Amino acid sequence: MLPHREWNRVDVVTISMLGPNNNEITQTNWTTEHLIYGEGTAGKLGSSSPSLNVWAAWHTIFRPKSPDFALVDGMDECVDYGFWYIVSLKENSANETSFMIRGYDIHDANQWDFDLVSGQHYNGINDWALYPPGRNYYMGIQTINIADLPYNDVNWIRAYDAAAVGNNEQDHFFRNGARIRGRVIK
């Protein structure tokens, strides 16, 4: 049997951004907001005029809090890993019928601090290496119909898919966990 581990106690934080044209790449659009729960969504605020576009987005970052959140002793490398979550609807002010959830690893050499992390800083003071945090690799995309909510899902990161994300990114995953966000399909 292959060695495996499961973690059920997880640090979960929501970070957010507010900026023009849903631009998540620059630090200035990320806020210092720190919410102790998971929420992943994006939406346009304001008018339909392109010059007045203001987008808001909330991304959930999470990492098991167990000290054994690491490669299994005796393994040379990670095989596959996944995370399970339940999706529910908080609000649908735009009358959308479906949305997608994207998962990312958090590609950063620094470990985020649960009590101080925000969209701008991994520890309350120092900048993330990339914006948004975890920009490097998608870990999967899931399209969900709002009529199907609540929805249970699992997002698998395969060690040797086409990009070998699970294997290549395992150090980042075990350091910082993952990030998910929801996005309206347009």
C-alpha atoms as a PDB file:
ATOM      1  CA  MET A   1       0.000   0.000   0.000  1.00  0.00           C
ATOM      2  CA  LEU A   2       1.206   3.481  -0.787  1.00  0.00           C
ATOM      3  CA  PRO A   3       1.913   5.642   2.244  1.00  0.00           C
ATOM      4  CA  HIS A   4      -0.536   8.493   2.660  1.00  0.00           C
ATOM      5  CA  ARG A   5      -1.710  11.090   5.146  1.00  0.00           C
ATOM      6  CA  GLU A   6      -4.866  13.076   5.705  1.00  0.00           C
ATOM      7  CA  TRP A   7      -5.099  16.427   7.465  1.00  0.00           C
ATOM      8  CA  ASN A   8      -8.400  17.712   8.842  1.00  0.00           C
ATOM      9  CA  ARG A   9      -7.265  20.741  10.842  1.00  0.00           C
ATOM     10  CA  VAL A  10      -6.533  23.525   8.404  1.00  0.00           C
ATOM     11  CA  ASP A  11      -5.588  27.198   8.688  1.00  0.00           C
ATOM     12  CA  VAL A  12      -7.956  29.104   6.397  1.00  0.00           C
ATOM     13  CA  VAL A  13      -7.696  32.826   5.589  1.00  0.00           C
ATOM     14  CA  THR A  14      -9.339  35.003   2.956  1.00  0.00           C
ATOM     15  CA  ILE A  15      -7.312  37.751   1.292  1.00  0.00           C
ATOM     16  CA  SER A  16      -8.759  40.348  -1.059  1.00  0.00           C
ATOM     17  CA  MET A  17      -8.062  42.777  -3.880  1.00  0.00           C
ATOM     18  CA  LEU A  18      -9.825  45.842  -5.237  1.00  0.00           C
ATOM     19  CA  GLY A  19      -8.750  47.338  -8.549  1.00  0.00           C
ATOM     20  CA  PRO A  20      -9.474  48.237 -12.152  1.00  0.00           C
ATOM     21  CA  ASN A  21     -10.263  45.591 -14.772  1.00  0.00           C
ATOM     22  CA  ASN A  22      -9.843  42.657 -12.388  1.00  0.00           C
ATOM     23  CA  ASN A  23      -6.067  43.234 -12.456  1.00  0.00           C
ATOM     24  CA  GLU A  24      -4.715  40.914  -9.759  1.00  0.00           C
ATOM     25  CA  ILE A  25      -1.078  41.132 -10.801  1.00  0.00           C
ATOM     26  CA  THR A  26       0.095  44.289  -9.015  1.00  0.00           C
ATOM     27  CA  GLN A  27       0.569  44.601  -5.270  1.00  0.00           C
ATOM     28  CA  THR A  28      -1.216  47.960  -5.126  1.00  0.00           C
ATOM     29  CA  ASN A  29      -4.550  46.283  -5.948  1.00  0.00           C
ATOM     30  CA  TRP A  30      -4.280  43.851  -3.032  1.00  0.00           C
ATOM     31  CA  THR A  31      -5.610  44.928   0.360  1.00  0.00           C
ATOM     32  CA  THR A  32      -4.435  44.329   3.904  1.00  0.00           C
ATOM     33  CA  GLU A  33      -7.779  42.662   4.726  1.00  0.00           C
ATOM     34  CA  HIS A  34      -7.467  39.410   6.699  1.00  0.00           C
ATOM     35  CA  LEU A  35     -10.600  37.291   7.200  1.00  0.00           C
ATOM     36  CA  ILE A  36     -10.527  34.073   9.255  1.00  0.00           C
ATOM     37  CA  TYR A  37     -12.785  32.011   6.992  1.00  0.00           C
ATOM     38  CA  GLY A  38     -12.808  30.869   3.385  1.00  0.00           C
ATOM     39  CA  GLU A  39     -14.421  32.905   0.638  1.00  0.00           C
ATOM     40  CA  GLY A  40     -13.475  32.846  -3.018  1.00  0.00           C
ATOM     41  CA  THR A  41     -15.264  35.118  -5.440  1.00  0.00           C
ATOM     42  CA  ALA A  42     -14.845  37.990  -7.867  1.00  0.00           C
ATOM     43  CA  GLY A  43     -17.204  40.599  -9.202  1.00  0.00           C
ATOM     44  CA  LYS A  44     -17.466  43.983 -10.829  1.00  0.00           C
ATOM     45  CA  LEU A  45     -18.576  46.936  -8.755  1.00  0.00           C
ATOM     46  CA  GLY A  46     -19.852  50.245 -10.090  1.00  0.00           C
ATOM     47  CA  SER A  47     -20.977  51.238 -13.571  1.00  0.00           C
ATOM     48  CA  SER A  48     -20.665  49.677 -17.004  1.00  0.00           C
ATOM     49  CA  SER A  49     -18.292  52.449 -18.144  1.00  0.00           C
ATOM     50  CA  PRO A  50     -14.789  50.989 -18.755  1.00  0.00           C
ATOM     51  CA  SER A  51     -13.176  53.997 -17.072  1.00  0.00           C
ATOM     52  CA  LEU A  52     -15.160  53.324 -13.889  1.00  0.00           C
ATOM     53  CA  ASN A  53     -14.600  49.564 -13.689  1.00  0.00           C
ATOM     54  CA  VAL A  54     -13.779  48.456 -10.175  1.00  0.00           C
ATOM     55  CA  TRP A  55     -13.348  44.767  -9.455  1.00  0.00           C
ATOM     56  CA  ALA A  56     -13.323  43.080  -6.079  1.00  0.00           C
ATOM     57  CA  ALA A  57     -12.039  39.576  -5.444  1.00  0.00           C
ATOM     58  CA  TRP A  58     -11.599  37.384  -2.384  1.00  0.00           C
ATOM     59  CA  HIS A  59      -9.239  34.405  -2.456  1.00  0.00           C
ATOM     60  CA  THR A  60      -9.023  31.655   0.139  1.00  0.00           C
ATOM     61  CA  ILE A  61      -5.598  30.425   1.171  1.00  0.00           C
ATOM     62  CA  PHE A  62      -5.251  27.340   3.317  1.00  0.00           C
ATOM     63  CA  ARG A  63      -2.632  25.031   4.762  1.00  0.00           C
ATOM     64  CA  PRO A  64      -2.925  22.105   7.160  1.00  0.00           C
ATOM     65  CA  LYS A  65      -1.740  23.167  10.606  1.00  0.00           C
ATOM     66  CA  SER A  66      -0.341  19.781  11.605  1.00  0.00           C
ATOM     67  CA  PRO A  67       3.435  19.615  12.185  1.00  0.00           C
ATOM     68  CA  ASP A  68       3.532  16.520   9.951  1.00  0.00           C
ATOM     69  CA  PHE A  69       2.287  18.470   6.900  1.00  0.00           C
ATOM     70  CA  ALA A  70       5.293  17.398   4.845  1.00  0.00           C
ATOM     71  CA  LEU A  71       6.347  14.619   2.530  1.00  0.00           C
ATOM     72  CA  VAL A  72       5.775  11.218   4.086  1.00  0.00           C
ATOM     73  CA  ASP A  73       8.966   9.905   5.691  1.00  0.00           C
ATOM     74  CA  GLY A  74      10.784   7.540   3.359  1.00  0.00           C
ATOM     75  CA  MET A  75       9.188   8.882   0.179  1.00  0.00           C
ATOM     76  CA  ASP A  76      11.456  10.365  -2.439  1.00  0.00           C
ATOM     77  CA  GLU A  77       8.721  12.568  -3.845  1.00  0.00           C
ATOM     78  CA  CYS A  78       5.061  13.321  -3.719  1.00  0.00           C
ATOM     79  CA  VAL A  79       2.643  11.259  -5.811  1.00  0.00           C
ATOM     80  CA  ASP A  80      -0.765  13.016  -5.903  1.00  0.00           C
ATOM     81  CA  TYR A  81      -2.488  15.250  -3.422  1.00  0.00           C
ATOM     82  CA  GLY A  82      -5.906  16.786  -3.211  1.00  0.00           C
ATOM     83  CA  PHE A  83      -8.136  19.016  -1.158  1.00  0.00           C
ATOM     84  CA  TRP A  84     -11.832  18.623  -0.433  1.00  0.00           C
ATOM     85  CA  TYR A  85     -14.228  21.509  -0.007  1.00  0.00           C
ATOM     86  CA  ILE A  86     -17.905  22.390   0.079  1.00  0.00           C
ATOM     87  CA  VAL A  87     -19.141  25.228  -2.121  1.00  0.00           C
ATOM     88  CA  SER A  88     -22.198  27.224  -1.111  1.00  0.00           C
ATOM     89  CA  LEU A  89     -23.737  30.501  -2.203  1.00  0.00           C
ATOM     90  CA  LYS A  90     -23.515  33.636  -0.088  1.00  0.00           C
ATOM     91  CA  GLU A  91     -25.037  36.070  -2.602  1.00  0.00           C
ATOM     92  CA  ASN A  92     -25.870  36.193  -6.305  1.00  0.00           C
ATOM     93  CA  SER A  93     -26.576  39.855  -6.954  1.00  0.00           C
ATOM     94  CA  ALA A  94     -25.771  39.525 -10.674  1.00  0.00           C
ATOM     95  CA  ASN A  95     -28.183  36.611 -11.288  1.00  0.00           C
ATOM     96  CA  GLU A  96     -25.415  34.380 -12.625  1.00  0.00           C
ATOM     97  CA  THR A  97     -26.160  30.717 -13.358  1.00  0.00           C
ATOM     98  CA  SER A  98     -22.659  29.243 -13.065  1.00  0.00           C
ATOM     99  CA  PHE A  99     -19.132  30.047 -11.996  1.00  0.00           C
ATOM    100  CA  MET A 100     -15.734  28.387 -11.935  1.00  0.00           C
ATOM    101  CA  ILE A 101     -13.340  27.628  -9.133  1.00  0.00           C
ATOM    102  CA  ARG A 102      -9.615  27.697  -9.800  1.00  0.00           C
ATOM    103  CA  GLY A 103      -6.970  26.291  -7.528  1.00  0.00           C
ATOM    104  CA  TYR A 104      -3.333  27.392  -7.323  1.00  0.00           C
ATOM    105  CA  ASP A 105      -0.318  26.434  -5.341  1.00  0.00           C
ATOM    106  CA  ILE A 106       1.186  29.330  -3.385  1.00  0.00           C
ATOM    107  CA  HIS A 107       4.499  29.715  -5.171  1.00  0.00           C
ATOM    108  CA  ASP A 108       6.518  31.689  -2.639  1.00  0.00           C
ATOM    109  CA  ALA A 109       9.773  30.995  -0.821  1.00  0.00           C
ATOM    110  CA  ASN A 110       8.387  32.509   2.380  1.00  0.00           C
ATOM    111  CA  GLN A 111       5.833  30.821   4.611  1.00  0.00           C
ATOM    112  CA  TRP A 112       2.729  32.904   5.326  1.00  0.00           C
ATOM    113  CA  ASP A 113       1.790  33.727   8.906  1.00  0.00           C
ATOM    114  CA  PHE A 114      -1.783  32.728   9.795  1.00  0.00           C
ATOM    115  CA  ASP A 115      -2.310  35.707  12.120  1.00  0.00           C
ATOM    116  CA  LEU A 116      -0.812  38.383   9.850  1.00  0.00           C
ATOM    117  CA  VAL A 117      -1.176  37.325   6.203  1.00  0.00           C
ATOM    118  CA  SER A 118      -2.981  39.615   3.726  1.00  0.00           C
ATOM    119  CA  GLY A 119      -3.118  40.138  -0.007  1.00  0.00           C
ATOM    120  CA  GLN A 120      -0.182  42.548   0.251  1.00  0.00           C
ATOM    121  CA  HIS A 121       2.050  40.798   2.796  1.00  0.00           C
ATOM    122  CA  TYR A 122       2.763  37.196   3.747  1.00  0.00           C
ATOM    123  CA  ASN A 123       3.595  38.131   7.368  1.00  0.00           C
ATOM    124  CA  GLY A 124       2.006  41.542   7.925  1.00  0.00           C
ATOM    125  CA  ILE A 125       5.137  43.421   6.808  1.00  0.00           C
ATOM    126  CA  ASN A 126       6.977  41.750   3.919  1.00  0.00           C
ATOM    127  CA  ASP A 127       5.743  41.553   0.317  1.00  0.00           C
ATOM    128  CA  TRP A 128       4.830  38.319  -1.414  1.00  0.00           C
ATOM    129  CA  ALA A 129       7.280  37.276  -4.149  1.00  0.00           C
ATOM    130  CA  LEU A 130       4.467  37.217  -6.752  1.00  0.00           C
ATOM    131  CA  TYR A 131       1.036  38.836  -7.052  1.00  0.00           C
ATOM    132  CA  PRO A 132      -1.440  37.416  -6.647  1.00  0.00           C
ATOM    133  CA  PRO A 133       0.087  34.969  -4.172  1.00  0.00           C
ATOM    134  CA  GLY A 134       0.297  31.599  -5.887  1.00  0.00           C
ATOM    135  CA  ARG A 135       0.186  32.931  -9.414  1.00  0.00           C
ATOM    136  CA  ASN A 136       2.409  30.247 -10.887  1.00  0.00           C
ATOM    137  CA  TYR A 137       0.398  27.071 -11.381  1.00  0.00           C
ATOM    138  CA  TYR A 138      -3.247  26.193 -11.756  1.00  0.00           C
ATOM    139  CA  MET A 139      -4.197  23.114  -9.806  1.00  0.00           C
ATOM    140  CA  GLY A 140      -7.468  22.635 -11.596  1.00  0.00           C
ATOM    141  CA  ILE A 141     -10.586  24.360 -12.784  1.00  0.00           C
ATOM    142  CA  GLN A 142     -14.091  23.263 -11.857  1.00  0.00           C
ATOM    143  CA  THR A 143     -17.279  24.724 -13.391  1.00  0.00           C
ATOM    144  CA  ILE A 144     -20.253  24.674 -11.032  1.00  0.00           C
ATOM    145  CA  ASN A 145     -23.910  25.422 -11.742  1.00  0.00           C
ATOM    146  CA  ILE A 146     -25.509  27.534  -9.042  1.00  0.00           C
ATOM    147  CA  ALA A 147     -28.604  25.306  -9.134  1.00  0.00           C
ATOM    148  CA  ASP A 148     -26.372  22.424  -7.907  1.00  0.00           C
ATOM    149  CA  LEU A 149     -25.299  24.169  -4.687  1.00  0.00           C
ATOM    150  CA  PRO A 150     -24.306  23.225  -2.064  1.00  0.00           C
ATOM    151  CA  TYR A 151     -21.642  21.245  -3.875  1.00  0.00           C
ATOM    152  CA  ASN A 152     -18.942  18.931  -2.509  1.00  0.00           C
ATOM    153  CA  ASP A 153     -15.786  18.683  -4.566  1.00  0.00           C
ATOM    154  CA  VAL A 154     -12.208  17.516  -4.534  1.00  0.00           C
ATOM    155  CA  ASN A 155      -9.413  19.198  -6.457  1.00  0.00           C
ATOM    156  CA  TRP A 156      -6.558  16.794  -7.251  1.00  0.00           C
ATOM    157  CA  ILE A 157      -3.048  17.951  -7.971  1.00  0.00           C
ATOM    158  CA  ARG A 158      -1.441  15.235 -10.017  1.00  0.00           C
ATOM    159  CA  ALA A 159       2.260  14.657  -9.591  1.00  0.00           C
ATOM    160  CA  TYR A 160       2.782  13.804 -13.233  1.00  0.00           C
ATOM    161  CA  ASP A 161       0.119  15.501 -15.315  1.00  0.00           C
ATOM    162  CA  ALA A 162       1.215  17.364 -18.449  1.00  0.00           C
ATOM    163  CA  ALA A 163       2.969  20.043 -16.386  1.00  0.00           C
ATOM    164  CA  ALA A 164       4.024  17.730 -13.516  1.00  0.00           C
ATOM    165  CA  VAL A 165       2.646  20.389 -11.164  1.00  0.00           C
ATOM    166  CA  GLY A 166       2.289  18.098  -8.148  1.00  0.00           C
ATOM    167  CA  ASN A 167       5.889  16.935  -8.330  1.00  0.00           C
ATOM    168  CA  ASN A 168       7.498  20.212  -9.421  1.00  0.00           C
ATOM    169  CA  GLU A 169       5.617  22.354  -6.906  1.00  0.00           C
ATOM    170  CA  GLN A 170       5.628  20.050  -3.880  1.00  0.00           C
ATOM    171  CA  ASP A 171       8.065  22.210  -1.882  1.00  0.00           C
ATOM    172  CA  HIS A 172       5.793  25.240  -2.316  1.00  0.00           C
ATOM    173  CA  PHE A 173       2.682  23.204  -1.528  1.00  0.00           C
ATOM    174  CA  PHE A 174       4.086  21.803   1.706  1.00  0.00           C
ATOM    175  CA  ARG A 175       5.369  25.256   2.730  1.00  0.00           C
ATOM    176  CA  ASN A 176       2.260  27.306   1.938  1.00  0.00           C
ATOM    177  CA  GLY A 177      -0.673  25.075   1.032  1.00  0.00           C
ATOM    178  CA  ALA A 178      -2.944  26.338  -1.713  1.00  0.00           C
ATOM    179  CA  ARG A 179      -5.174  29.188  -2.861  1.00  0.00           C
ATOM    180  CA  ILE A 180      -8.612  28.938  -4.465  1.00  0.00           C
ATOM    181  CA  ARG A 181     -10.867  31.546  -5.972  1.00  0.00           C
ATOM    182  CA  GLY A 182     -14.245  31.604  -7.597  1.00  0.00           C
ATOM    183  CA  ARG A 183     -14.911  33.495 -10.781  1.00  0.00           C
ATOM    184  CA  VAL A 184     -18.027  34.265 -12.779  1.00  0.00           C
ATOM    185  CA  ILE A 185     -17.877  32.787 -16.281  1.00  0.00           C
ATOM    186  CA  LYS A 186     -18.120  35.467 -18.981  1.00  0.00           C
END
